[in-house]
Protein backbone atom coordinates (compact mmCIF):
# COMPACT_ATOMS: atom_id res chain seq x y z
CA MET A 1 112.90 83.56 87.36
CA ALA A 2 112.53 87.33 87.18
CA THR A 3 112.51 89.28 90.42
CA VAL A 4 111.11 92.69 91.34
CA PRO A 5 111.97 95.12 94.13
CA VAL A 6 109.30 95.44 96.83
CA HIS A 7 108.91 97.22 100.14
CA LEU A 8 108.31 94.67 102.91
CA VAL A 9 106.55 95.84 106.09
CA LEU A 10 106.37 93.61 109.17
CA PHE A 11 103.98 93.75 112.11
CA GLY A 12 103.67 92.05 115.50
CA ARG A 13 105.50 88.77 115.98
CA ALA A 14 106.90 88.88 112.42
CA ARG A 15 108.54 92.19 113.31
CA GLU A 16 109.96 90.75 116.52
CA LEU A 17 111.34 87.62 114.85
CA ALA A 18 112.96 89.52 111.98
CA ASN A 19 114.12 92.33 114.27
CA LEU A 20 113.08 94.94 111.73
CA THR A 21 110.01 96.93 110.79
CA GLU A 22 110.55 97.26 107.06
CA LYS A 23 113.01 96.40 104.34
CA ASN A 24 113.40 96.73 100.59
CA ILE A 25 113.99 93.31 99.03
CA ASN A 26 113.73 91.51 95.70
CA ILE A 27 111.19 88.70 95.32
CA PRO A 28 110.00 86.58 92.40
CA ARG A 29 107.66 88.50 90.10
CA ILE A 30 105.17 85.63 90.16
CA VAL A 31 104.19 84.12 93.50
CA LYS A 32 102.20 80.88 93.52
CA GLU A 33 99.98 79.52 96.27
CA LEU A 34 100.49 81.10 99.64
CA SER A 35 98.32 78.52 101.44
CA PRO A 36 101.26 76.89 103.32
CA ILE A 37 101.68 80.09 105.37
CA GLU A 38 98.06 81.18 105.80
CA LYS A 39 97.87 79.64 109.30
CA TYR A 40 100.77 81.78 110.45
CA CYS A 41 100.14 85.22 108.98
CA MET A 42 98.01 87.41 106.77
CA LEU A 43 99.49 89.21 103.80
CA ALA A 44 98.52 92.51 102.26
CA LEU A 45 99.59 93.67 98.82
CA ASN A 46 99.51 97.45 98.41
CA GLN A 47 97.36 97.78 101.55
CA GLU A 48 94.76 95.21 100.43
CA TYR A 49 94.51 91.84 102.16
CA ILE A 50 95.23 88.80 100.01
CA ASP A 51 92.18 86.60 100.55
CA ASP A 52 92.75 83.65 98.21
CA HIS A 53 96.00 81.98 99.21
CA ASN A 54 95.59 79.37 96.47
CA ASP A 55 95.81 81.97 93.72
CA THR A 56 98.83 83.08 91.67
CA PHE A 57 99.94 86.69 92.06
CA THR A 58 101.98 88.91 89.80
CA ILE A 59 103.93 91.43 91.83
CA ASN A 60 104.70 94.79 90.27
CA PRO A 61 107.95 96.61 90.99
CA HIS A 62 107.92 98.76 94.15
CA SER A 63 104.77 97.14 95.53
CA GLU A 64 104.29 97.08 99.28
CA ILE A 65 103.87 93.70 100.96
CA ALA A 66 102.82 93.61 104.61
CA ILE A 67 103.21 90.55 106.84
CA ILE A 68 100.57 90.63 109.57
CA PRO A 69 100.31 88.01 112.33
CA PRO A 70 96.93 86.43 113.09
CA ILE A 71 94.71 88.66 115.19
CA ASN A 72 93.20 86.94 118.23
CA GLY A 73 90.00 88.09 119.82
CA GLY A 74 89.95 88.69 123.51
């Protein structure tokens, strides 16, 4: 499967667990169904939230992917 370079940005608990704020990595160009992780985090692709976790996404080279933990009201 083809991979593309992306810029990964982590926030909140994801940042703490990974012990980093950002990293350049390679991921598969086509990502299918993110629903298994939707309870644990939100994702943004190029600063736009991914709303449909059952969809298939094509990732372009040098895209930015943000991992954002759930936001609790208080």
